[in-house]
C-alpha atoms as a PDB file:
ATOM      1  CA  UNK A   1      61.723  50.415 -15.778  1.00  0.00           C
ATOM      2  CA  UNK A   2      62.790  47.105 -14.076  1.00  0.00           C
ATOM      3  CA  UNK A   3      62.506  44.178 -15.780  1.00  0.00           C
ATOM      4  CA  UNK A   4      60.287  41.316 -14.660  1.00  0.00           C
ATOM      5  CA  UNK A   5      61.940  38.646 -13.044  1.00  0.00           C
ATOM      6  CA  UNK A   6      60.420  35.043 -13.651  1.00  0.00           C
ATOM      7  CA  UNK A   7      60.880  32.891 -10.943  1.00  0.00           C
ATOM      8  CA  UNK A   8      63.789  29.682 -11.590  1.00  0.00           C
ATOM      9  CA  UNK A   9      62.490  26.119 -11.991  1.00  0.00           C
ATOM     10  CA  UNK A  10      64.035  25.063  -8.554  1.00  0.00           C
ATOM     11  CA  UNK A  11      62.366  27.623  -6.963  1.00  0.00           C
ATOM     12  CA  UNK A  12      59.065  26.080  -8.864  1.00  0.00           C
ATOM     13  CA  UNK A  13      59.440  23.162  -8.096  1.00  0.00           C
ATOM     14  CA  UNK A  14      60.011  23.608  -4.490  1.00  0.00           C
ATOM     15  CA  UNK A  15      57.139  26.103  -4.022  1.00  0.00           C
ATOM     16  CA  UNK A  16      55.144  22.692  -5.952  1.00  0.00           C
ATOM     17  CA  UNK A  17      56.341  20.252  -3.469  1.00  0.00           C
ATOM     18  CA  UNK A  18      55.775  21.954  -0.263  1.00  0.00           C
ATOM     19  CA  UNK A  19      51.995  22.884  -1.945  1.00  0.00           C
ATOM     20  CA  UNK A  20      51.671  18.975  -1.944  1.00  0.00           C
ATOM     21  CA  UNK A  21      52.968  18.349   1.421  1.00  0.00           C
ATOM     22  CA  UNK A  22      50.528  20.912   2.983  1.00  0.00           C
ATOM     23  CA  UNK A  23      47.873  19.479   1.018  1.00  0.00           C
ATOM     24  CA  UNK A  24      48.835  15.805   1.931  1.00  0.00           C
ATOM     25  CA  UNK A  25      49.313  17.140   5.802  1.00  0.00           C
ATOM     26  CA  UNK A  26      45.287  19.070   5.608  1.00  0.00           C
ATOM     27  CA  UNK A  27      43.726  15.963   4.030  1.00  0.00           C
ATOM     28  CA  UNK A  28      44.718  13.435   6.687  1.00  0.00           C
ATOM     29  CA  UNK A  29      43.599  15.847   9.383  1.00  0.00           C
ATOM     30  CA  UNK A  30      40.644  16.604   8.109  1.00  0.00           C
ATOM     31  CA  UNK A  31      40.040  12.576   7.871  1.00  0.00           C
ATOM     32  CA  UNK A  32      40.964  12.224  11.282  1.00  0.00           C
ATOM     33  CA  UNK A  33      38.244  14.865  12.461  1.00  0.00           C
ATOM     34  CA  UNK A  34      35.618  13.438  10.113  1.00  0.00           C
ATOM     35  CA  UNK A  35      35.631   9.820  11.553  1.00  0.00           C
ATOM     36  CA  UNK A  36      37.768   7.540  13.548  1.00  0.00           C
ATOM     37  CA  UNK A  37      40.492   5.338  11.988  1.00  0.00           C
ATOM     38  CA  UNK A  38      39.001   1.591  11.658  1.00  0.00           C
ATOM     39  CA  UNK A  39      41.159  -0.671  14.010  1.00  0.00           C
ATOM     40  CA  UNK A  40      41.655  -3.934  12.168  1.00  0.00           C
ATOM     41  CA  UNK A  41      40.284  -7.295  13.671  1.00  0.00           C
ATOM     42  CA  UNK A  42      42.384 -10.109  14.519  1.00  0.00           C
ATOM     43  CA  UNK A  43      42.718 -12.771  11.734  1.00  0.00           C
ATOM     44  CA  UNK A  44      39.902 -14.960  10.711  1.00  0.00           C
ATOM     45  CA  UNK A  45      42.184 -17.928  12.172  1.00  0.00           C
ATOM     46  CA  UNK A  46      41.682 -16.483  15.755  1.00  0.00           C
ATOM     47  CA  UNK A  47      39.110 -18.503  17.796  1.00  0.00           C
ATOM     48  CA  UNK A  48      37.292 -15.493  19.180  1.00  0.00           C
ATOM     49  CA  UNK A  49      36.251 -14.750  15.346  1.00  0.00           C
ATOM     50  CA  UNK A  50      33.020 -16.916  16.342  1.00  0.00           C
ATOM     51  CA  UNK A  51      32.450 -13.970  19.216  1.00  0.00           C
ATOM     52  CA  UNK A  52      32.533 -11.048  16.476  1.00  0.00           C
ATOM     53  CA  UNK A  53      29.140 -10.191  16.179  1.00  0.00           C
ATOM     54  CA  UNK A  54      28.296 -10.565  20.469  1.00  0.00           C
ATOM     55  CA  UNK A  55      31.338  -8.065  20.977  1.00  0.00           C
ATOM     56  CA  UNK A  56      30.138  -5.724  18.093  1.00  0.00           C
ATOM     57  CA  UNK A  57      26.974  -5.696  19.890  1.00  0.00           C
ATOM     58  CA  UNK A  58      28.273  -5.135  23.236  1.00  0.00           C
ATOM     59  CA  UNK A  59      30.765  -2.306  22.405  1.00  0.00           C
ATOM     60  CA  UNK A  60      27.873  -0.352  20.618  1.00  0.00           C
ATOM     61  CA  UNK A  61      26.057  -0.642  24.119  1.00  0.00           C
ATOM     62  CA  UNK A  62      29.232   0.700  25.903  1.00  0.00           C
ATOM     63  CA  UNK A  63      29.741   3.655  23.569  1.00  0.00           C
ATOM     64  CA  UNK A  64      26.365   4.462  24.067  1.00  0.00           C
ATOM     65  CA  UNK A  65      26.707   4.424  27.892  1.00  0.00           C
ATOM     66  CA  UNK A  66      30.208   6.232  27.279  1.00  0.00           C
ATOM     67  CA  UNK A  67      29.791   8.224  24.365  1.00  0.00           C
ATOM     68  CA  UNK A  68      32.963   9.054  22.144  1.00  0.00           C
ATOM     69  CA  UNK A  69      35.617  10.687  22.196  1.00  0.00           C
ATOM     70  CA  UNK A  70      35.474   9.376  26.202  1.00  0.00           C
ATOM     71  CA  UNK A  71      38.744   7.898  27.659  1.00  0.00           C
ATOM     72  CA  UNK A  72      38.380   4.163  29.300  1.00  0.00           C
ATOM     73  CA  UNK A  73      40.014   2.153  31.182  1.00  0.00           C
ATOM     74  CA  UNK A  74      39.143  -1.221  30.278  1.00  0.00           C
ATOM     75  CA  UNK A  75      39.710  -4.582  31.861  1.00  0.00           C
ATOM     76  CA  UNK A  76      38.762  -8.189  31.266  1.00  0.00           C
ATOM     77  CA  UNK A  77      37.500 -10.724  34.146  1.00  0.00           C
ATOM     78  CA  UNK A  78      37.584 -14.424  33.232  1.00  0.00           C
ATOM     79  CA  UNK A  79      35.719 -16.519  35.595  1.00  0.00           C
ATOM     80  CA  UNK A  80      34.710 -19.288  33.233  1.00  0.00           C
ATOM     81  CA  UNK A  81      36.225 -22.488  31.974  1.00  0.00           C
ATOM     82  CA  UNK A  82      37.811 -20.726  28.491  1.00  0.00           C
ATOM     83  CA  UNK A  83      41.338 -20.969  28.429  1.00  0.00           C
ATOM     84  CA  UNK A  84      43.558 -18.413  29.057  1.00  0.00           C
ATOM     85  CA  UNK A  85      45.093 -18.268  25.717  1.00  0.00           C
ATOM     86  CA  UNK A  86      41.324 -18.388  24.143  1.00  0.00           C
ATOM     87  CA  UNK A  87      40.279 -15.417  25.985  1.00  0.00           C
ATOM     88  CA  UNK A  88      43.478 -12.945  24.969  1.00  0.00           C
ATOM     89  CA  UNK A  89      42.185 -12.846  21.487  1.00  0.00           C
ATOM     90  CA  UNK A  90      38.551 -12.541  22.415  1.00  0.00           C
ATOM     91  CA  UNK A  91      40.047  -9.195  24.117  1.00  0.00           C
ATOM     92  CA  UNK A  92      41.960  -8.011  21.132  1.00  0.00           C
ATOM     93  CA  UNK A  93      38.467  -8.397  19.414  1.00  0.00           C
ATOM     94  CA  UNK A  94      36.979  -6.549  21.829  1.00  0.00           C
ATOM     95  CA  UNK A  95      39.222  -3.811  22.194  1.00  0.00           C
ATOM     96  CA  UNK A  96      39.364  -3.065  18.286  1.00  0.00           C
ATOM     97  CA  UNK A  97      35.342  -2.687  18.248  1.00  0.00           C
ATOM     98  CA  UNK A  98      35.492  -0.115  21.079  1.00  0.00           C
ATOM     99  CA  UNK A  99      37.929   1.725  18.948  1.00  0.00           C
ATOM    100  CA  UNK A 100      35.853   1.434  15.972  1.00  0.00           C
ATOM    101  CA  UNK A 101      33.159   3.202  17.688  1.00  0.00           C
ATOM    102  CA  UNK A 102      35.245   5.882  18.552  1.00  0.00           C
ATOM    103  CA  UNK A 103      36.257   5.221  21.990  1.00  0.00           C
ATOM    104  CA  UNK A 104      40.097   5.900  23.417  1.00  0.00           C
ATOM    105  CA  UNK A 105      42.176   3.566  25.829  1.00  0.00           C
ATOM    106  CA  UNK A 106      43.822   5.208  28.847  1.00  0.00           C
ATOM    107  CA  UNK A 107      44.568   4.026  32.136  1.00  0.00           C
ATOM    108  CA  UNK A 108      43.366   4.590  35.718  1.00  0.00           C
ATOM    109  CA  UNK A 109      45.039   8.429  35.545  1.00  0.00           C
ATOM    110  CA  UNK A 110      44.174   9.454  32.536  1.00  0.00           C
ATOM    111  CA  UNK A 111      40.904   7.541  31.728  1.00  0.00           C
ATOM    112  CA  UNK A 112      37.487   9.452  32.319  1.00  0.00           C
ATOM    113  CA  UNK A 113      35.511   5.770  32.168  1.00  0.00           C
ATOM    114  CA  UNK A 114      35.993   2.808  33.842  1.00  0.00           C
ATOM    115  CA  UNK A 115      34.810  -0.401  31.916  1.00  0.00           C
ATOM    116  CA  UNK A 116      35.438  -4.113  33.127  1.00  0.00           C
ATOM    117  CA  UNK A 117      34.195  -7.026  31.356  1.00  0.00           C
ATOM    118  CA  UNK A 118      33.516 -10.216  33.060  1.00  0.00           C
ATOM    119  CA  UNK A 119      33.435 -13.433  31.097  1.00  0.00           C
ATOM    120  CA  UNK A 120      31.464 -15.738  33.080  1.00  0.00           C
ATOM    121  CA  UNK A 121      28.885 -19.032  31.616  1.00  0.00           C
ATOM    122  CA  UNK A 122      25.934 -20.665  32.354  1.00  0.00           C
ATOM    123  CA  UNK A 123      23.932 -23.385  31.366  1.00  0.00           C
ATOM    124  CA  UNK A 124      23.147 -22.754  27.622  1.00  0.00           C
ATOM    125  CA  UNK A 125      26.327 -20.715  27.349  1.00  0.00           C
ATOM    126  CA  UNK A 126      28.351 -17.879  27.813  1.00  0.00           C
ATOM    127  CA  UNK A 127      27.958 -14.312  29.425  1.00  0.00           C
ATOM    128  CA  UNK A 128      30.122 -11.244  28.893  1.00  0.00           C
ATOM    129  CA  UNK A 129      28.612  -8.194  31.276  1.00  0.00           C
ATOM    130  CA  UNK A 130      30.063  -4.806  30.757  1.00  0.00           C
ATOM    131  CA  UNK A 131      30.719  -2.573  34.271  1.00  0.00           C
ATOM    132  CA  UNK A 132      30.988   1.078  32.990  1.00  0.00           C
ATOM    133  CA  UNK A 133      31.341   3.882  35.554  1.00  0.00           C
ATOM    134  CA  UNK A 134      31.306   7.019  34.179  1.00  0.00           C
ATOM    135  CA  UNK A 135      31.213  10.426  36.660  1.00  0.00           C
ATOM    136  CA  UNK A 136      30.567   8.568  39.977  1.00  0.00           C
ATOM    137  CA  UNK A 137      27.543   6.636  38.092  1.00  0.00           C
ATOM    138  CA  UNK A 138      27.748   3.061  37.007  1.00  0.00           C
ATOM    139  CA  UNK A 139      25.832   1.294  34.404  1.00  0.00           C
ATOM    140  CA  UNK A 140      25.572  -2.051  32.896  1.00  0.00           C
ATOM    141  CA  UNK A 141      25.347  -4.073  29.637  1.00  0.00           C
ATOM    142  CA  UNK A 142      25.241  -7.642  28.722  1.00  0.00           C
ATOM    143  CA  UNK A 143      25.553  -9.873  25.602  1.00  0.00           C
ATOM    144  CA  UNK A 144      25.052 -13.891  25.867  1.00  0.00           C
ATOM    145  CA  UNK A 145      27.663 -16.257  23.256  1.00  0.00           C
ATOM    146  CA  UNK A 146      26.168 -19.998  22.333  1.00  0.00           C
ATOM    147  CA  UNK A 147      28.333 -22.391  23.890  1.00  0.00           C
ATOM    148  CA  UNK A 148      28.847 -23.933  20.374  1.00  0.00           C
ATOM    149  CA  UNK A 149      30.141 -21.027  18.311  1.00  0.00           C
ATOM    150  CA  UNK A 150      33.337 -20.664  21.225  1.00  0.00           C
ATOM    151  CA  UNK A 151      35.352 -22.112  18.553  1.00  0.00           C
ATOM    152  CA  UNK A 152      35.564 -23.450  15.491  1.00  0.00           C
ATOM    153  CA  UNK A 153      33.967 -27.155  15.004  1.00  0.00           C
ATOM    154  CA  UNK A 154      36.991 -29.990  14.978  1.00  0.00           C
ATOM    155  CA  UNK A 155      36.565 -32.135  12.127  1.00  0.00           C
ATOM    156  CA  UNK A 156      37.648 -35.673  12.766  1.00  0.00           C
ATOM    157  CA  UNK A 157      38.251 -37.726  16.081  1.00  0.00           C
ATOM    158  CA  UNK A 158      36.756 -40.267  17.854  1.00  0.00           C
ATOM    159  CA  UNK A 159      33.534 -40.383  20.222  1.00  0.00           C
ATOM    160  CA  UNK A 160      33.318 -43.003  22.452  1.00  0.00           C
ATOM    161  CA  UNK A 161      29.854 -43.995  23.916  1.00  0.00           C
ATOM    162  CA  UNK A 162      29.292 -46.467  26.880  1.00  0.00           C
ATOM    163  CA  UNK A 163      26.308 -49.137  25.553  1.00  0.00           C
ATOM    164  CA  UNK A 164      24.938 -52.514  27.244  1.00  0.00           C
ATOM    165  CA  UNK A 165      24.902 -55.124  24.845  1.00  0.00           C
ATOM    166  CA  UNK A 166      24.771 -58.134  27.038  1.00  0.00           C
ATOM    167  CA  UNK A 167      24.508 -59.119  31.065  1.00  0.00           C
ATOM    168  CA  UNK A 168      24.465 -62.481  32.576  1.00  0.00           C
ATOM    169  CA  UNK A 169      25.371 -64.036  35.926  1.00  0.00           C
ATOM    170  CA  UNK A 170      28.056 -66.281  34.581  1.00  0.00           C
ATOM    171  CA  UNK A 171      31.499 -65.380  33.753  1.00  0.00           C
ATOM    172  CA  UNK A 172      32.257 -64.338  30.061  1.00  0.00           C
ATOM    173  CA  UNK A 173      35.662 -64.328  28.374  1.00  0.00           C
ATOM    174  CA  UNK A 174      34.470 -62.119  25.204  1.00  0.00           C
ATOM    175  CA  UNK A 175      31.476 -61.795  23.175  1.00  0.00           C
ATOM    176  CA  UNK A 176      31.363 -60.315  19.315  1.00  0.00           C
ATOM    177  CA  UNK A 177      28.380 -58.729  17.611  1.00  0.00           C
ATOM    178  CA  UNK A 178      27.687 -59.697  13.634  1.00  0.00           C
ATOM    179  CA  UNK A 179      25.293 -59.438  10.818  1.00  0.00           C
ATOM    180  CA  UNK A 180      25.071 -60.694   7.435  1.00  0.00           C
ATOM    181  CA  UNK A 181      25.497 -58.717   4.328  1.00  0.00           C
ATOM    182  CA  UNK A 182      22.317 -56.650   4.094  1.00  0.00           C
ATOM    183  CA  UNK A 183      22.358 -55.897   7.992  1.00  0.00           C
ATOM    184  CA  UNK A 184      19.086 -57.966   8.787  1.00  0.00           C
ATOM    185  CA  UNK A 185      20.383 -60.731  10.887  1.00  0.00           C
ATOM    186  CA  UNK A 186      22.290 -59.581  14.049  1.00  0.00           C
ATOM    187  CA  UNK A 187      24.158 -62.347  15.677  1.00  0.00           C
ATOM    188  CA  UNK A 188      25.558 -62.291  19.560  1.00  0.00           C
ATOM    189  CA  UNK A 189      28.701 -64.857  20.105  1.00  0.00           C
ATOM    190  CA  UNK A 190      29.282 -65.051  23.624  1.00  0.00           C
ATOM    191  CA  UNK A 191      32.428 -67.133  24.952  1.00  0.00           C
ATOM    192  CA  UNK A 192      32.375 -68.762  28.092  1.00  0.00           C
ATOM    193  CA  UNK A 193      34.776 -70.713  30.298  1.00  0.00           C
ATOM    194  CA  UNK A 194      33.264 -73.987  29.042  1.00  0.00           C
ATOM    195  CA  UNK A 195      31.048 -73.198  26.270  1.00  0.00           C
ATOM    196  CA  UNK A 196      30.572 -70.842  23.217  1.00  0.00           C
ATOM    197  CA  UNK A 197      27.067 -69.602  23.240  1.00  0.00           C
ATOM    198  CA  UNK A 198      25.209 -68.009  19.997  1.00  0.00           C
ATOM    199  CA  UNK A 199      22.339 -65.785  20.469  1.00  0.00           C
ATOM    200  CA  UNK A 200      19.994 -63.895  17.761  1.00  0.00           C
ATOM    201  CA  UNK A 201      17.692 -60.901  17.967  1.00  0.00           C
ATOM    202  CA  UNK A 202      14.161 -61.962  17.647  1.00  0.00           C
ATOM    203  CA  UNK A 203      11.049 -60.010  18.568  1.00  0.00           C
ATOM    204  CA  UNK A 204      13.224 -57.107  19.924  1.00  0.00           C
ATOM    205  CA  UNK A 205      15.368 -59.793  22.121  1.00  0.00           C
ATOM    206  CA  UNK A 206      18.425 -61.808  22.164  1.00  0.00           C
ATOM    207  CA  UNK A 207      17.506 -65.786  22.271  1.00  0.00           C
ATOM    208  CA  UNK A 208      19.881 -68.713  22.802  1.00  0.00           C
ATOM    209  CA  UNK A 209      20.228 -70.396  19.040  1.00  0.00           C
ATOM    210  CA  UNK A 210      23.093 -72.761  19.453  1.00  0.00           C
ATOM    211  CA  UNK A 211      25.476 -73.943  22.223  1.00  0.00           C
ATOM    212  CA  UNK A 212      29.143 -75.291  21.612  1.00  0.00           C
ATOM    213  CA  UNK A 213      30.218 -76.711  24.747  1.00  0.00           C
ATOM    214  CA  UNK A 214      34.411 -77.587  25.708  1.00  0.00           C
ATOM    215  CA  UNK A 215      35.720 -79.945  23.881  1.00  0.00           C
ATOM    216  CA  UNK A 216      38.307 -80.690  26.691  1.00  0.00           C
ATOM    217  CA  UNK A 217      38.028 -81.340  30.287  1.00  0.00           C
ATOM    218  CA  UNK A 218      40.624 -78.942  31.063  1.00  0.00           C
ATOM    219  CA  UNK A 219      40.173 -76.511  34.138  1.00  0.00           C
ATOM    220  CA  UNK A 220      41.896 -73.448  35.222  1.00  0.00           C
ATOM    221  CA  UNK A 221      42.216 -70.558  37.495  1.00  0.00           C
ATOM    222  CA  UNK A 222      43.406 -68.284  34.954  1.00  0.00           C
ATOM    223  CA  UNK A 223      40.296 -68.573  32.067  1.00  0.00           C
ATOM    224  CA  UNK A 224      41.534 -66.411  28.846  1.00  0.00           C
ATOM    225  CA  UNK A 225      39.315 -66.526  25.751  1.00  0.00           C
ATOM    226  CA  UNK A 226      39.283 -64.463  22.414  1.00  0.00           C
ATOM    227  CA  UNK A 227      36.755 -63.814  19.325  1.00  0.00           C
ATOM    228  CA  UNK A 228      38.478 -63.021  16.567  1.00  0.00           C
ATOM    229  CA  UNK A 229      36.508 -61.335  13.517  1.00  0.00           C
ATOM    230  CA  UNK A 230      39.354 -59.438  12.098  1.00  0.00           C
ATOM    231  CA  UNK A 231      38.578 -61.407   9.163  1.00  0.00           C
ATOM    232  CA  UNK A 232      35.075 -60.718   8.920  1.00  0.00           C
ATOM    233  CA  UNK A 233      32.441 -63.059  10.787  1.00  0.00           C
ATOM    234  CA  UNK A 234      32.512 -65.571   7.857  1.00  0.00           C
ATOM    235  CA  UNK A 235      35.722 -66.507   8.960  1.00  0.00           C
ATOM    236  CA  UNK A 236      35.067 -66.259  12.659  1.00  0.00           C
ATOM    237  CA  UNK A 237      37.311 -68.217  15.248  1.00  0.00           C
ATOM    238  CA  UNK A 238      37.022 -68.631  18.951  1.00  0.00           C
ATOM    239  CA  UNK A 239      39.388 -69.816  21.244  1.00  0.00           C
ATOM    240  CA  UNK A 240      40.297 -70.596  24.319  1.00  0.00           C
ATOM    241  CA  UNK A 241      42.464 -73.178  26.782  1.00  0.00           C
ATOM    242  CA  UNK A 242      42.335 -76.377  24.624  1.00  0.00           C
ATOM    243  CA  UNK A 243      39.383 -75.696  22.265  1.00  0.00           C
ATOM    244  CA  UNK A 244      38.655 -73.581  19.157  1.00  0.00           C
ATOM    245  CA  UNK A 245      35.678 -73.354  16.939  1.00  0.00           C
ATOM    246  CA  UNK A 246      35.372 -71.877  13.378  1.00  0.00           C
ATOM    247  CA  UNK A 247      33.100 -71.003  10.692  1.00  0.00           C
ATOM    248  CA  UNK A 248      30.422 -68.098   9.667  1.00  0.00           C
ATOM    249  CA  UNK A 249      29.395 -66.191  12.892  1.00  0.00           C
ATOM    250  CA  UNK A 250      26.287 -65.008  11.433  1.00  0.00           C
ATOM    251  CA  UNK A 251      25.511 -68.620  10.720  1.00  0.00           C
ATOM    252  CA  UNK A 252      25.756 -70.526  14.018  1.00  0.00           C
ATOM    253  CA  UNK A 253      24.720 -73.872  12.750  1.00  0.00           C
ATOM    254  CA  UNK A 254      28.120 -73.668  10.163  1.00  0.00           C
ATOM    255  CA  UNK A 255      30.448 -73.141  13.360  1.00  0.00           C
ATOM    256  CA  UNK A 256      32.150 -76.510  14.355  1.00  0.00           C
ATOM    257  CA  UNK A 257      34.375 -77.167  17.454  1.00  0.00           C
ATOM    258  CA  UNK A 258      37.492 -79.136  17.968  1.00  0.00           C
ATOM    259  CA  UNK A 259      40.220 -79.574  20.910  1.00  0.00           C
ATOM    260  CA  UNK A 260      43.342 -78.125  20.396  1.00  0.00           C
ATOM    261  CA  UNK A 261      46.953 -77.797  21.963  1.00  0.00           C
ATOM    262  CA  UNK A 262      46.471 -73.946  21.862  1.00  0.00           C
ATOM    263  CA  UNK A 263      46.577 -72.590  25.655  1.00  0.00           C
ATOM    264  CA  UNK A 264      44.468 -69.373  24.905  1.00  0.00           C
ATOM    265  CA  UNK A 265      46.964 -66.816  24.879  1.00  0.00           C
ATOM    266  CA  UNK A 266      48.199 -66.582  21.013  1.00  0.00           C
ATOM    267  CA  UNK A 267      46.448 -63.187  20.508  1.00  0.00           C
ATOM    268  CA  UNK A 268      48.320 -61.766  23.303  1.00  0.00           C
ATOM    269  CA  UNK A 269      51.443 -59.787  21.612  1.00  0.00           C
ATOM    270  CA  UNK A 270      54.902 -61.048  22.563  1.00  0.00           C
ATOM    271  CA  UNK A 271      55.929 -64.765  24.066  1.00  0.00           C
ATOM    272  CA  UNK A 272      54.652 -64.682  27.471  1.00  0.00           C
ATOM    273  CA  UNK A 273      55.051 -68.370  27.574  1.00  0.00           C
ATOM    274  CA  UNK A 274      56.746 -69.407  31.206  1.00  0.00           C
ATOM    275  CA  UNK A 275      60.234 -70.815  30.801  1.00  0.00           C
ATOM    276  CA  UNK A 276      59.609 -73.695  32.326  1.00  0.00           C
ATOM    277  CA  UNK A 277      56.243 -76.135  32.586  1.00  0.00           C
ATOM    278  CA  UNK A 278      54.088 -75.523  35.596  1.00  0.00           C
ATOM    279  CA  UNK A 279      53.753 -78.277  37.958  1.00  0.00           C
ATOM    280  CA  UNK A 280      50.425 -80.236  38.606  1.00  0.00           C
ATOM    281  CA  UNK A 281      49.277 -79.441  34.853  1.00  0.00           C
ATOM    282  CA  UNK A 282      48.752 -76.096  36.091  1.00  0.00           C
ATOM    283  CA  UNK A 283      49.222 -72.411  34.133  1.00  0.00           C
ATOM    284  CA  UNK A 284      52.365 -70.228  33.894  1.00  0.00           C
ATOM    285  CA  UNK A 285      52.706 -66.727  32.243  1.00  0.00           C
ATOM    286  CA  UNK A 286      56.149 -64.801  32.166  1.00  0.00           C
ATOM    287  CA  UNK A 287      56.506 -61.381  33.396  1.00  0.00           C
ATOM    288  CA  UNK A 288      58.659 -58.441  32.156  1.00  0.00           C
ATOM    289  CA  UNK A 289      60.913 -58.770  36.066  1.00  0.00           C
ATOM    290  CA  UNK A 290      64.479 -60.741  36.454  1.00  0.00           C
ATOM    291  CA  UNK A 291      65.514 -61.469  40.147  1.00  0.00           C
ATOM    292  CA  UNK A 292      69.415 -62.038  40.129  1.00  0.00           C
ATOM    293  CA  UNK A 293      69.336 -62.120  36.722  1.00  0.00           C
ATOM    294  CA  UNK A 294      66.765 -64.988  36.159  1.00  0.00           C
ATOM    295  CA  UNK A 295      63.321 -64.837  34.414  1.00  0.00           C
ATOM    296  CA  UNK A 296      60.058 -64.399  36.884  1.00  0.00           C
ATOM    297  CA  UNK A 297      57.046 -66.295  36.039  1.00  0.00           C
ATOM    298  CA  UNK A 298      53.682 -66.424  37.600  1.00  0.00           C
ATOM    299  CA  UNK A 299      51.778 -69.814  37.936  1.00  0.00           C
ATOM    300  CA  UNK A 300      49.151 -71.674  39.366  1.00  0.00           C
ATOM    301  CA  UNK A 301      48.306 -75.255  40.047  1.00  0.00           C
ATOM    302  CA  UNK A 302      45.880 -77.656  38.188  1.00  0.00           C
ATOM    303  CA  UNK A 303      42.775 -77.515  40.767  1.00  0.00           C
ATOM    304  CA  UNK A 304      39.924 -75.328  41.067  1.00  0.00           C
ATOM    305  CA  UNK A 305      39.638 -72.995  44.255  1.00  0.00           C
ATOM    306  CA  UNK A 306      38.694 -75.861  46.885  1.00  0.00           C
ATOM    307  CA  UNK A 307      42.707 -76.998  46.039  1.00  0.00           C
ATOM    308  CA  UNK A 308      45.877 -75.152  46.849  1.00  0.00           C
ATOM    309  CA  UNK A 309      48.224 -74.430  44.061  1.00  0.00           C
ATOM    310  CA  UNK A 310      51.148 -76.200  45.258  1.00  0.00           C
ATOM    311  CA  UNK A 311      51.889 -78.908  48.190  1.00  0.00           C
ATOM    312  CA  UNK A 312      54.922 -78.329  50.260  1.00  0.00           C
END
């Protein structure tokens, strides 16, 4: 009788390792057969994540028209205003959703189904239409995406809006709106070439409450003026050539004017004064040009439009 030989320890370890590998391989194959692997979606930072619900619905409709395990040739066409860099993540999300429904991907030679998704837009939002061609038959699925969910809402920024404040036949140099501390009184100051006029909002319309005429007989073809409320309406300052008015612009009665040597260009950045006094009492301003290494200035005469600037 032969003695029973027990397997060596190395053989047992080798057999156990082979069993574990086989079990793992069988388990992996079973999980692949039981359900398709989930394809991860793009990260939440992608702008296309706002389309996820609609693209999930579109993928479900395509899966009904081309049941898994169909192999599809997917292409996406864009005839909307969506930029190409935003369309790429949308296409990636759609492809992931189709894979999650068990559909496989191929090209025109290996696929049994052709899926063309066209992204367009209308008045109320965007439209994604899927044309599914399979076995000589064509069917269509469609979803709509509201325009406001195309991308994440923007934070901050500036919004510009045009609103008519005042109009008049006379020339205006500047205007300014001001109100009291309780916002109960609205005052409009309009600076004209020869006067400063204050209006108050009374019974749903602007009514003139005070007019301050120019303290100087100065006339010009190049009228410039400015109302400065940068320090607040109680410290308002209106300037135009040879005139200056100061006071509380919410209380027009407190504003006083006086003649000034101010020539009207103090609010312009930089020194634009001409390198020479203009002849005949006119105006002059330097410009950022040179001619033969000499500064260039624009000058006008001191008269009105009926007179020549200079007499030869």
